[in-house]
Amino acid sequence: MSNTDSLPLDAHEREQMRQWLDNWARVGPILERDRWDALRTMTDEEARAAARRLFELWQPDWPTDEGEALLLHQRVFARAGRRT
């Protein structure tokens, strides 16, 4: 953290922050409802495809990421896939 990160906000910056928070308080729940609606209407195949696309994002050369969590999730989804 640099010294400028801890400087107090001026009046204009505080107003911008307040507006951003007010906007997010109003829009956040709408976006969250839309996300859940989209998930509820997904078919099983759409959900599997979305999970596969998500897993494809991981890169083995990311620093400090050995992929353990991804491998665990892949095993869980593989077991779930065998049951369907």
N, C-alpha and C. Protein backbone atom coordinates (compact mmCIF):
# COMPACT_ATOMS: atom_id res chain seq x y z
N MET A 1 0.85 -1.17 0.00
CA MET A 1 0.00 0.00 0.00
C MET A 1 0.89 1.23 0.00
N SER A 2 0.62 2.18 -0.89
CA SER A 2 1.42 3.40 -0.95
C SER A 2 0.85 4.44 0.00
N ASN A 3 1.60 5.51 0.21
CA ASN A 3 1.14 6.58 1.09
C ASN A 3 -0.14 7.23 0.57
N THR A 4 -0.31 7.29 -0.75
CA THR A 4 -1.51 7.92 -1.31
C THR A 4 -2.76 7.07 -1.09
N ASP A 5 -2.61 5.77 -0.84
CA ASP A 5 -3.77 4.91 -0.61
C ASP A 5 -4.50 5.26 0.68
N SER A 6 -3.82 5.86 1.63
CA SER A 6 -4.45 6.14 2.92
C SER A 6 -4.85 7.61 3.08
N LEU A 7 -4.68 8.41 2.02
CA LEU A 7 -5.08 9.82 2.13
C LEU A 7 -6.60 9.93 2.22
N PRO A 8 -7.08 10.87 3.01
CA PRO A 8 -8.54 11.04 3.11
C PRO A 8 -9.12 11.53 1.78
N LEU A 9 -10.36 11.17 1.56
CA LEU A 9 -11.05 11.60 0.34
C LEU A 9 -11.49 13.06 0.48
N ASP A 10 -11.44 13.77 -0.66
CA ASP A 10 -11.97 15.13 -0.61
C ASP A 10 -13.49 15.06 -0.79
N ALA A 11 -14.14 16.20 -0.71
CA ALA A 11 -15.62 16.24 -0.76
C ALA A 11 -16.15 15.65 -2.06
N HIS A 12 -15.52 15.96 -3.18
CA HIS A 12 -15.98 15.43 -4.48
C HIS A 12 -15.83 13.90 -4.52
N GLU A 13 -14.70 13.40 -4.04
CA GLU A 13 -14.47 11.95 -4.03
C GLU A 13 -15.45 11.24 -3.09
N ARG A 14 -15.73 11.83 -1.96
CA ARG A 14 -16.73 11.25 -1.04
C ARG A 14 -18.10 11.19 -1.70
N GLU A 15 -18.47 12.25 -2.42
CA GLU A 15 -19.77 12.27 -3.11
C GLU A 15 -19.82 11.20 -4.20
N GLN A 16 -18.73 11.05 -4.94
CA GLN A 16 -18.68 10.00 -5.97
C GLN A 16 -18.81 8.62 -5.33
N MET A 17 -18.12 8.43 -4.21
CA MET A 17 -18.21 7.15 -3.50
C MET A 17 -19.63 6.90 -3.00
N ARG A 18 -20.26 7.92 -2.45
CA ARG A 18 -21.63 7.78 -1.96
C ARG A 18 -22.58 7.42 -3.12
N GLN A 19 -22.41 8.08 -4.27
CA GLN A 19 -23.25 7.79 -5.44
C GLN A 19 -23.04 6.35 -5.91
N TRP A 20 -21.77 5.92 -5.94
CA TRP A 20 -21.47 4.56 -6.37
C TRP A 20 -22.14 3.56 -5.43
N LEU A 21 -22.04 3.79 -4.13
CA LEU A 21 -22.65 2.88 -3.15
C LEU A 21 -24.18 2.89 -3.28
N ASP A 22 -24.77 4.07 -3.47
CA ASP A 22 -26.22 4.14 -3.66
C ASP A 22 -26.65 3.37 -4.91
N ASN A 23 -25.90 3.56 -6.00
CA ASN A 23 -26.22 2.85 -7.24
C ASN A 23 -26.11 1.34 -7.05
N TRP A 24 -25.04 0.90 -6.40
CA TRP A 24 -24.85 -0.54 -6.20
C TRP A 24 -25.93 -1.11 -5.29
N ALA A 25 -26.34 -0.35 -4.28
CA ALA A 25 -27.40 -0.83 -3.38
C ALA A 25 -28.69 -1.05 -4.16
N ARG A 26 -28.93 -0.26 -5.18
CA ARG A 26 -30.14 -0.38 -5.98
C ARG A 26 -29.99 -1.46 -7.06
N VAL A 27 -28.86 -1.45 -7.76
CA VAL A 27 -28.67 -2.33 -8.91
C VAL A 27 -28.20 -3.73 -8.51
N GLY A 28 -27.43 -3.83 -7.44
CA GLY A 28 -26.89 -5.13 -7.02
C GLY A 28 -27.95 -6.21 -6.86
N PRO A 29 -29.03 -5.94 -6.13
CA PRO A 29 -30.07 -6.97 -5.99
C PRO A 29 -30.74 -7.36 -7.32
N ILE A 30 -30.87 -6.39 -8.22
CA ILE A 30 -31.46 -6.69 -9.54
C ILE A 30 -30.55 -7.64 -10.30
N LEU A 31 -29.24 -7.35 -10.31
CA LEU A 31 -28.30 -8.22 -11.00
C LEU A 31 -28.24 -9.61 -10.37
N GLU A 32 -28.28 -9.66 -9.05
CA GLU A 32 -28.26 -10.95 -8.36
C GLU A 32 -29.49 -11.77 -8.71
N ARG A 33 -30.65 -11.14 -8.76
CA ARG A 33 -31.89 -11.84 -9.14
C ARG A 33 -31.78 -12.35 -10.58
N ASP A 34 -31.22 -11.54 -11.48
CA ASP A 34 -31.04 -11.97 -12.87
C ASP A 34 -30.11 -13.18 -12.96
N ARG A 35 -29.02 -13.16 -12.18
CA ARG A 35 -28.08 -14.30 -12.21
C ARG A 35 -28.78 -15.58 -11.74
N TRP A 36 -29.55 -15.49 -10.65
CA TRP A 36 -30.24 -16.68 -10.14
C TRP A 36 -31.31 -17.15 -11.11
N ASP A 37 -32.00 -16.21 -11.75
CA ASP A 37 -33.00 -16.59 -12.76
C ASP A 37 -32.35 -17.35 -13.91
N ALA A 38 -31.18 -16.87 -14.36
CA ALA A 38 -30.47 -17.54 -15.45
C ALA A 38 -30.03 -18.94 -15.02
N LEU A 39 -29.57 -19.09 -13.79
CA LEU A 39 -29.16 -20.41 -13.31
C LEU A 39 -30.35 -21.36 -13.21
N ARG A 40 -31.47 -20.85 -12.72
CA ARG A 40 -32.66 -21.70 -12.56
C ARG A 40 -33.17 -22.23 -13.90
N THR A 41 -33.00 -21.46 -14.97
CA THR A 41 -33.55 -21.86 -16.26
C THR A 41 -32.57 -22.66 -17.11
N MET A 42 -31.32 -22.85 -16.61
CA MET A 42 -30.33 -23.64 -17.35
C MET A 42 -30.73 -25.10 -17.41
N THR A 43 -30.50 -25.68 -18.56
CA THR A 43 -30.66 -27.13 -18.65
C THR A 43 -29.42 -27.77 -18.05
N ASP A 44 -29.50 -29.08 -17.80
CA ASP A 44 -28.33 -29.79 -17.28
C ASP A 44 -27.15 -29.67 -18.24
N GLU A 45 -27.40 -29.78 -19.52
CA GLU A 45 -26.31 -29.69 -20.50
C GLU A 45 -25.72 -28.28 -20.51
N GLU A 46 -26.53 -27.26 -20.41
CA GLU A 46 -26.01 -25.88 -20.35
C GLU A 46 -25.15 -25.68 -19.11
N ALA A 47 -25.57 -26.25 -17.99
CA ALA A 47 -24.80 -26.13 -16.76
C ALA A 47 -23.46 -26.86 -16.88
N ARG A 48 -23.48 -28.07 -17.48
CA ARG A 48 -22.22 -28.80 -17.68
C ARG A 48 -21.29 -28.03 -18.60
N ALA A 49 -21.84 -27.44 -19.67
CA ALA A 49 -21.01 -26.67 -20.61
C ALA A 49 -20.42 -25.44 -19.92
N ALA A 50 -21.20 -24.77 -19.08
CA ALA A 50 -20.70 -23.60 -18.36
C ALA A 50 -19.58 -24.01 -17.40
N ALA A 51 -19.73 -25.14 -16.74
CA ALA A 51 -18.68 -25.62 -15.83
C ALA A 51 -17.42 -25.95 -16.61
N ARG A 52 -17.57 -26.60 -17.76
CA ARG A 52 -16.39 -26.93 -18.57
C ARG A 52 -15.67 -25.66 -19.02
N ARG A 53 -16.43 -24.64 -19.44
CA ARG A 53 -15.80 -23.37 -19.86
C ARG A 53 -15.05 -22.73 -18.69
N LEU A 54 -15.63 -22.81 -17.51
CA LEU A 54 -14.97 -22.26 -16.33
C LEU A 54 -13.67 -22.99 -16.05
N PHE A 55 -13.68 -24.32 -16.12
CA PHE A 55 -12.47 -25.10 -15.86
C PHE A 55 -11.39 -24.82 -16.90
N GLU A 56 -11.78 -24.49 -18.11
CA GLU A 56 -10.81 -24.22 -19.17
C GLU A 56 -10.03 -22.93 -18.93
N LEU A 57 -10.51 -22.08 -18.04
CA LEU A 57 -9.83 -20.82 -17.76
C LEU A 57 -8.52 -21.03 -17.01
N TRP A 58 -8.45 -22.08 -16.20
CA TRP A 58 -7.27 -22.30 -15.37
C TRP A 58 -6.06 -22.58 -16.25
N GLN A 59 -4.93 -21.99 -15.88
CA GLN A 59 -3.68 -22.20 -16.59
C GLN A 59 -2.68 -22.84 -15.63
N PRO A 60 -2.00 -23.90 -16.04
CA PRO A 60 -1.09 -24.60 -15.13
C PRO A 60 0.13 -23.78 -14.71
N ASP A 61 0.45 -22.72 -15.45
CA ASP A 61 1.64 -21.94 -15.10
C ASP A 61 1.33 -20.72 -14.24
N TRP A 62 0.11 -20.61 -13.71
CA TRP A 62 -0.20 -19.49 -12.83
C TRP A 62 0.67 -19.59 -11.57
N PRO A 63 1.32 -18.51 -11.18
CA PRO A 63 2.16 -18.58 -9.98
C PRO A 63 1.33 -18.85 -8.73
N THR A 64 1.86 -19.64 -7.84
CA THR A 64 1.28 -20.03 -6.55
C THR A 64 -0.02 -20.81 -6.68
N ASP A 65 -0.32 -21.30 -7.86
CA ASP A 65 -1.54 -22.09 -8.04
C ASP A 65 -1.16 -23.44 -8.61
N GLU A 66 -1.21 -24.42 -7.78
CA GLU A 66 -0.87 -25.77 -8.22
C GLU A 66 -2.10 -26.52 -8.73
N GLY A 67 -3.25 -25.87 -8.69
CA GLY A 67 -4.46 -26.45 -9.24
C GLY A 67 -5.18 -27.45 -8.36
N GLU A 68 -4.80 -27.51 -7.08
CA GLU A 68 -5.42 -28.51 -6.21
C GLU A 68 -6.93 -28.33 -6.12
N ALA A 69 -7.37 -27.09 -5.95
CA ALA A 69 -8.82 -26.85 -5.81
C ALA A 69 -9.54 -27.21 -7.10
N LEU A 70 -8.96 -26.87 -8.23
CA LEU A 70 -9.57 -27.21 -9.51
C LEU A 70 -9.66 -28.72 -9.67
N LEU A 71 -8.60 -29.41 -9.33
CA LEU A 71 -8.61 -30.87 -9.44
C LEU A 71 -9.68 -31.48 -8.55
N LEU A 72 -9.82 -30.96 -7.34
CA LEU A 72 -10.87 -31.45 -6.44
C LEU A 72 -12.25 -31.24 -7.05
N HIS A 73 -12.50 -30.05 -7.59
CA HIS A 73 -13.80 -29.78 -8.20
C HIS A 73 -14.03 -30.65 -9.43
N GLN A 74 -12.99 -30.89 -10.21
CA GLN A 74 -13.15 -31.77 -11.37
C GLN A 74 -13.56 -33.17 -10.93
N ARG A 75 -12.95 -33.67 -9.86
CA ARG A 75 -13.33 -35.00 -9.37
C ARG A 75 -14.79 -35.03 -8.90
N VAL A 76 -15.21 -33.97 -8.21
CA VAL A 76 -16.59 -33.91 -7.73
C VAL A 76 -17.55 -33.92 -8.91
N PHE A 77 -17.28 -33.08 -9.93
CA PHE A 77 -18.18 -33.03 -11.09
C PHE A 77 -18.13 -34.32 -11.89
N ALA A 78 -16.98 -34.96 -11.95
CA ALA A 78 -16.88 -36.24 -12.67
C ALA A 78 -17.75 -37.29 -12.00
N ARG A 79 -17.70 -37.33 -10.66
CA ARG A 79 -18.56 -38.30 -9.94
C ARG A 79 -20.03 -37.98 -10.18
N ALA A 80 -20.38 -36.69 -10.13
CA ALA A 80 -21.78 -36.30 -10.33
C ALA A 80 -22.23 -36.65 -11.74
N GLY A 81 -21.35 -36.50 -12.72
CA GLY A 81 -21.68 -36.82 -14.10
C GLY A 81 -21.94 -38.29 -14.33
N ARG A 82 -21.27 -39.16 -13.57
CA ARG A 82 -21.48 -40.60 -13.71
C ARG A 82 -22.84 -41.01 -13.17
N ARG A 83 -23.41 -40.21 -12.28
CA ARG A 83 -24.70 -40.55 -11.68
C ARG A 83 -25.87 -40.18 -12.57
N THR A 84 -25.65 -39.33 -13.57
CA THR A 84 -26.78 -38.89 -14.43
C THR A 84 -26.94 -39.80 -15.61
